[in-house]
Amino acid sequence: MRGADSTGVVPCRNLSLDLRSRTHIMGILNVTPDSFSDGGRYTSTRTAVERAMEMVREGADLIDIGGESTRPGAERVTLEEELARVVPVVKALVAEGLPVPISVDTYKAEVARQAMEAGAHIVNDIWGFQGDPGLQQVALDFGCPVILMHNRRETAYADFIPDVLDDLRRSVDIALQAGVRPDHIILDPGLGFAKTMEHNLHLFSNLHRIAELGYPVLLGASRKSFIQKTLGRSAQEVLEGTAATTALGIAQGCSIVRVHDVAEMKRVALMTDAIVRGGKSYG
C-alpha cells in the first residue's frame, strides 16, 4: 500500500485520520443556496457552525465544507462569492475549537489557499488535480492531504472501469510529480460525475479495484440521483439506499464515507466494520 494505509494514518496538519481500525465518517456541510439535497439550510455562519458541531456529536470524523453546488445544471459561483461563503465558516469553526479536520470542497486554488490560511486541513478537488494547477502548490505550501476525485468533461468511455482507473492514476501521478506525499493522497471514485446511472451502478461492483490502487478511498454516494432513480424517491427519502451504498463501499475497502445523515451512517459503518474488519471495535 503506497498511501496512508502503509501506516494507516493520514496526517492532517495538526490533526490526523487513523484509518486502521474503523471507517471514518465525513459530514457534508453545504454552505450554498442551491445544493441538490440541503441547499439553503446552512447559508449563515451561525447555522453552519451549529450543523458542523451537531455532526461531530453524531459521530463525524471530519467535516467537508462546500461553497459551490456541483450538481448538474447548477450555476457557477464567482471566486468572491465562494470565498465569502466558505472562509468565515472555516474561521468560526476553528475559533469554536472543532475537534476534527476540516475539508474544503473546491476546485479553485485561491479558495483552497484562503481556507488553509483560516485553519482548514484538507483540499477536496472534484477535478483530481486536472483542473486548476494552482491547487498543487496550495497542497505543497500547507502540507495538507488532498482528495482526488474522478471526473471528466464527457461520459464517453472506451472501456469504463479501466478508463476510470487510468484517470485516477493520472491524478495520482500529477500529485506525486508535484511533490505531494503519498500519505497525503485520498481517492474518490466520483460517483455522479461524468457518469450515467448505469456507470454509477457498475462502478459500485468495482470499487475494490480503486482501493487496489493503494490509496485510501473516499466514497461519496449519499442521496445521489442514481439512488433516487433506482428507488423512485426524492433526495430526502433515500436513507436506506444511501445505507446500502455505505455498507457495500466499506465491504470493498472504502476507508471514508461522505454523508449527509451522519448518525445513521455511523451505525451502518459500525455494523459493517464489525463484519468486514473481523469484529474490531469501532469506537
Protein backbone atom coordinates (compact mmCIF):
# COMPACT_ATOMS: atom_id res chain seq x y z
CA MET A 1 0.00 0.00 0.00
CA ARG A 2 1.64 3.20 -1.18
CA GLY A 3 -0.73 5.63 0.51
CA ALA A 4 -1.84 6.16 4.06
CA ASP A 5 -2.65 2.53 4.67
CA SER A 6 1.05 1.65 4.68
CA THR A 7 0.88 3.09 8.19
CA GLY A 8 -2.89 3.53 8.44
CA VAL A 9 -2.65 7.24 9.21
CA VAL A 10 -3.33 10.33 7.09
CA PRO A 11 -1.54 13.37 8.61
CA CYS A 12 -3.84 16.44 8.52
CA ARG A 13 -1.63 19.33 9.54
CA ASN A 14 -2.09 19.48 13.34
CA LEU A 15 -4.55 16.55 13.33
CA SER A 16 -4.67 13.11 11.72
CA LEU A 17 -7.03 10.41 10.49
CA ASP A 18 -6.22 6.95 11.81
CA LEU A 19 -7.85 4.58 9.33
CA ARG A 20 -6.51 1.36 10.82
CA SER A 21 -9.40 0.23 12.99
CA ARG A 22 -12.58 1.72 11.54
CA THR A 23 -14.32 3.50 8.72
CA HIS A 24 -14.35 7.28 9.05
CA ILE A 25 -17.42 9.43 8.55
CA MET A 26 -17.17 12.71 6.62
CA GLY A 27 -20.10 15.01 7.35
CA ILE A 28 -21.31 17.16 4.44
CA LEU A 29 -21.75 20.86 5.16
CA ASN A 30 -23.07 22.72 2.11
CA VAL A 31 -22.97 26.48 2.68
CA THR A 32 -24.83 27.05 -0.57
CA PRO A 33 -28.38 28.09 -1.50
CA ASP A 34 -28.75 25.51 -4.28
CA SER A 35 -27.17 22.16 -3.37
CA PHE A 36 -29.32 19.27 -4.55
CA SER A 37 -30.21 17.94 -1.10
CA ASP A 38 -29.84 20.59 1.59
CA GLY A 39 -29.29 23.86 -0.28
CA GLY A 40 -30.18 26.94 1.72
CA ARG A 41 -30.24 25.29 5.14
CA TYR A 42 -26.79 26.38 6.32
CA THR A 43 -26.05 29.61 4.49
CA SER A 44 -25.35 31.70 7.60
CA THR A 45 -22.15 31.22 9.55
CA ARG A 46 -24.13 30.56 12.73
CA THR A 47 -26.29 27.79 11.26
CA ALA A 48 -23.27 26.26 9.51
CA VAL A 49 -21.26 26.11 12.74
CA GLU A 50 -24.23 24.66 14.62
CA ARG A 51 -24.65 21.94 11.99
CA ALA A 52 -20.93 21.08 11.98
CA MET A 53 -20.91 20.73 15.76
CA GLU A 54 -24.06 18.63 15.60
CA MET A 55 -22.46 16.29 13.08
CA VAL A 56 -19.42 15.86 15.30
CA ARG A 57 -21.72 14.92 18.19
CA GLU A 58 -23.39 12.42 15.86
CA GLY A 59 -20.03 10.83 15.10
CA ALA A 60 -18.44 12.71 12.19
CA ASP A 61 -14.67 12.27 11.99
CA LEU A 62 -14.20 15.18 9.59
CA ILE A 63 -16.34 17.94 8.08
CA ASP A 64 -16.41 18.78 4.36
CA ILE A 65 -17.41 22.39 3.57
CA GLY A 66 -18.65 23.25 0.09
CA GLY A 67 -19.37 26.76 -1.14
CA GLU A 68 -20.48 25.92 -4.68
CA SER A 69 -23.02 23.34 -5.75
CA THR A 70 -21.62 20.84 -8.26
CA ARG A 71 -24.98 19.27 -9.11
CA PRO A 72 -25.81 19.08 -12.85
CA GLY A 73 -27.15 22.42 -14.08
CA ALA A 74 -26.00 24.42 -11.07
CA GLU A 75 -24.83 27.98 -11.73
CA ARG A 76 -21.14 28.71 -11.46
CA VAL A 77 -20.14 30.75 -8.43
CA THR A 78 -17.62 33.58 -8.60
CA LEU A 79 -14.40 33.37 -6.64
CA GLU A 80 -15.51 36.26 -4.43
CA GLU A 81 -18.85 34.63 -3.61
CA GLU A 82 -17.31 31.26 -2.80
CA LEU A 83 -14.72 32.90 -0.55
CA ALA A 84 -17.48 34.83 1.23
CA ARG A 85 -19.38 31.61 1.88
CA VAL A 86 -16.53 29.33 2.91
CA VAL A 87 -13.79 31.27 4.70
CA PRO A 88 -15.94 32.79 7.50
CA VAL A 89 -17.28 29.33 8.33
CA VAL A 90 -13.78 27.83 8.50
CA LYS A 91 -12.62 30.67 10.75
CA ALA A 92 -15.66 30.28 13.01
CA LEU A 93 -15.21 26.51 13.33
CA VAL A 94 -11.54 26.94 14.22
CA ALA A 95 -12.49 29.57 16.80
CA GLU A 96 -15.11 27.19 18.24
CA GLY A 97 -12.47 24.50 18.62
CA LEU A 98 -13.88 21.97 16.17
CA PRO A 99 -12.03 18.78 17.19
CA VAL A 100 -11.93 17.11 13.76
CA PRO A 101 -10.25 18.01 10.46
CA ILE A 102 -11.95 20.45 8.09
CA SER A 103 -12.02 19.58 4.40
CA VAL A 104 -12.79 22.24 1.80
CA ASP A 105 -14.66 21.07 -1.29
CA THR A 106 -13.39 23.41 -4.03
CA TYR A 107 -11.69 23.32 -7.41
CA LYS A 108 -10.39 26.89 -7.06
CA ALA A 109 -6.84 27.32 -5.79
CA GLU A 110 -7.49 30.70 -4.16
CA VAL A 111 -10.44 29.34 -2.17
CA ALA A 112 -8.30 26.44 -1.00
CA ARG A 113 -5.43 28.78 -0.08
CA GLN A 114 -7.55 31.15 1.97
CA ALA A 115 -9.36 28.25 3.65
CA MET A 116 -5.99 26.73 4.61
CA GLU A 117 -4.85 30.09 5.95
CA ALA A 118 -8.04 30.18 8.03
CA GLY A 119 -7.25 26.77 9.53
CA ALA A 120 -8.68 24.09 7.22
CA HIS A 121 -6.85 20.79 6.88
CA ILE A 122 -7.74 19.04 3.60
CA VAL A 123 -8.34 20.06 -0.03
CA ASN A 124 -11.15 18.14 -1.74
CA ASP A 125 -10.79 18.66 -5.51
CA ILE A 126 -13.58 17.39 -7.77
CA TRP A 127 -11.21 17.61 -10.76
CA GLY A 128 -8.50 15.46 -9.20
CA PHE A 129 -5.67 17.96 -9.87
CA GLN A 130 -6.65 18.04 -13.55
CA GLY A 131 -8.36 21.42 -13.28
CA ASP A 132 -6.73 24.41 -11.55
CA PRO A 133 -2.98 23.67 -11.39
CA GLY A 134 -2.64 26.14 -8.52
CA LEU A 135 -4.16 23.56 -6.18
CA GLN A 136 -0.95 21.55 -6.34
CA GLN A 137 1.00 24.48 -4.94
CA VAL A 138 -1.54 25.01 -2.17
CA ALA A 139 -1.16 21.38 -1.12
CA LEU A 140 2.62 21.75 -1.05
CA ASP A 141 2.63 25.11 0.71
CA PHE A 142 0.42 23.86 3.54
CA GLY A 143 1.47 20.22 3.64
CA CYS A 144 -2.15 19.12 3.56
CA PRO A 145 -3.88 15.98 2.31
CA VAL A 146 -5.74 16.09 -0.99
CA ILE A 147 -8.83 14.21 -2.09
CA LEU A 148 -8.51 13.48 -5.81
CA MET A 149 -11.90 12.75 -7.34
CA HIS A 150 -12.51 11.07 -10.66
CA ASN A 151 -14.13 13.41 -13.16
CA ARG A 152 -14.05 14.23 -16.86
CA ARG A 153 -15.94 16.54 -19.17
CA GLU A 154 -17.89 13.89 -21.04
CA THR A 155 -19.43 10.48 -20.38
CA ALA A 156 -17.82 8.78 -23.38
CA TYR A 157 -15.54 5.94 -22.29
CA ALA A 158 -13.68 3.41 -24.42
CA ASP A 159 -13.77 0.89 -21.55
CA PHE A 160 -15.43 2.31 -18.47
CA ILE A 161 -13.68 0.77 -15.46
CA PRO A 162 -10.17 0.72 -16.99
CA ASP A 163 -10.69 4.34 -18.11
CA VAL A 164 -11.72 5.42 -14.60
CA LEU A 165 -8.67 3.68 -13.15
CA ASP A 166 -6.39 5.31 -15.72
CA ASP A 167 -7.88 8.74 -14.98
CA LEU A 168 -7.28 8.26 -11.26
CA ARG A 169 -3.72 7.07 -11.88
CA ARG A 170 -3.12 10.24 -13.88
CA SER A 171 -4.37 12.35 -10.96
CA VAL A 172 -2.07 10.49 -8.59
CA ASP A 173 0.88 10.92 -10.96
CA ILE A 174 0.22 14.66 -11.20
CA ALA A 175 0.15 14.91 -7.40
CA LEU A 176 3.30 12.86 -6.88
CA GLN A 177 5.22 14.70 -9.59
CA ALA A 178 4.23 17.98 -7.96
CA GLY A 179 5.74 16.76 -4.70
CA VAL A 180 2.63 15.71 -2.77
CA ARG A 181 3.45 12.99 -0.25
CA PRO A 182 1.89 9.56 -0.92
CA ASP A 183 0.36 9.52 2.55
CA HIS A 184 -1.43 12.78 1.72
CA ILE A 185 -3.41 11.26 -1.18
CA ILE A 186 -7.02 10.06 -0.91
CA LEU A 187 -9.02 8.89 -3.94
CA ASP A 188 -12.72 9.42 -4.69
CA PRO A 189 -14.47 7.38 -7.44
CA GLY A 190 -16.56 10.43 -8.40
CA LEU A 191 -19.99 8.85 -8.30
CA GLY A 192 -22.46 11.07 -10.15
CA PHE A 193 -19.76 12.97 -12.06
CA ALA A 194 -19.41 12.32 -15.82
CA LYS A 195 -21.23 9.03 -15.34
CA THR A 196 -24.60 7.71 -16.41
CA MET A 197 -26.83 5.88 -13.96
CA GLU A 198 -25.59 2.60 -15.43
CA HIS A 199 -21.98 3.74 -14.98
CA ASN A 200 -22.59 4.54 -11.32
CA LEU A 201 -24.15 1.16 -10.62
CA HIS A 202 -21.40 -0.67 -12.50
CA LEU A 203 -18.73 1.30 -10.66
CA PHE A 204 -20.14 0.09 -7.35
CA SER A 205 -19.30 -3.51 -8.12
CA ASN A 206 -15.73 -2.43 -8.91
CA LEU A 207 -14.86 -0.15 -6.01
CA HIS A 208 -12.38 -2.75 -4.79
CA ARG A 209 -10.33 -2.10 -7.93
CA ILE A 210 -9.94 1.55 -6.92
CA ALA A 211 -8.90 0.51 -3.41
CA GLU A 212 -6.29 -1.77 -5.03
CA LEU A 213 -4.55 1.33 -6.43
CA GLY A 214 -3.01 1.65 -2.99
CA TYR A 215 -4.57 4.80 -1.52
CA PRO A 216 -7.45 5.35 0.92
CA VAL A 217 -10.78 5.62 -0.89
CA LEU A 218 -13.47 8.13 0.00
CA LEU A 219 -16.99 7.18 -1.08
CA GLY A 220 -19.44 10.00 -1.86
CA ALA A 221 -22.76 8.37 -2.76
CA SER A 222 -25.05 9.98 -0.18
CA ARG A 223 -28.53 10.82 -1.56
CA LYS A 224 -27.25 10.98 -5.15
CA SER A 225 -29.54 10.82 -8.15
CA PHE A 226 -28.69 7.24 -9.13
CA ILE A 227 -30.05 6.16 -5.73
CA GLN A 228 -33.11 8.38 -6.15
CA LYS A 229 -33.80 6.97 -9.63
CA THR A 230 -33.29 3.38 -8.52
CA LEU A 231 -35.74 3.76 -5.63
CA GLY A 232 -38.08 6.26 -7.26
CA ARG A 233 -37.74 8.60 -4.30
CA SER A 234 -36.59 12.15 -3.57
CA ALA A 235 -33.22 13.04 -2.06
CA GLN A 236 -34.80 13.22 1.39
CA GLU A 237 -36.33 9.75 1.04
CA VAL A 238 -33.34 7.57 0.19
CA LEU A 239 -31.79 6.89 3.58
CA GLU A 240 -31.97 3.14 3.02
CA GLY A 241 -30.39 3.45 -0.42
CA THR A 242 -27.54 5.50 0.99
CA ALA A 243 -27.13 2.92 3.74
CA ALA A 244 -26.80 0.17 1.13
CA THR A 245 -24.09 2.08 -0.72
CA THR A 246 -22.27 2.78 2.54
CA ALA A 247 -22.19 -0.88 3.54
CA LEU A 248 -21.18 -2.08 0.07
CA GLY A 249 -18.48 0.56 -0.18
CA ILE A 250 -16.96 -0.36 3.17
CA ALA A 251 -17.08 -4.05 2.23
CA GLN A 252 -14.99 -3.25 -0.87
CA GLY A 253 -12.33 -1.33 1.02
CA CYS A 254 -13.54 2.28 1.21
CA SER A 255 -12.00 3.98 4.25
CA ILE A 256 -14.11 7.16 4.43
CA VAL A 257 -17.78 7.74 3.60
CA ARG A 258 -19.03 11.25 2.81
CA VAL A 259 -22.64 11.53 4.01
CA HIS A 260 -25.49 13.87 4.92
CA ASP A 261 -27.06 11.55 7.52
CA VAL A 262 -24.17 11.21 9.93
CA ALA A 263 -25.82 9.47 12.88
CA GLU A 264 -27.48 6.83 10.73
CA MET A 265 -24.45 6.12 8.56
CA LYS A 266 -22.26 5.93 11.65
CA ARG A 267 -24.39 2.99 12.78
CA VAL A 268 -24.24 1.40 9.33
CA ALA A 269 -20.45 1.72 9.38
CA LEU A 270 -20.27 0.28 12.90
CA MET A 271 -22.18 -2.82 11.85
CA THR A 272 -20.30 -3.24 8.57
CA ASP A 273 -16.93 -2.78 10.24
CA ALA A 274 -17.85 -5.41 12.83
CA ILE A 275 -18.32 -7.86 9.94
CA VAL A 276 -15.59 -6.95 7.45
CA ARG A 277 -12.89 -5.93 9.92
CA GLY A 278 -13.14 -9.12 11.95
CA GLY A 279 -15.11 -7.70 14.87
CA LYS A 280 -12.66 -4.92 15.74
CA SER A 281 -14.06 -2.18 17.93
CA TYR A 282 -15.45 0.85 16.10
CA GLY A 283 -15.24 3.41 18.89
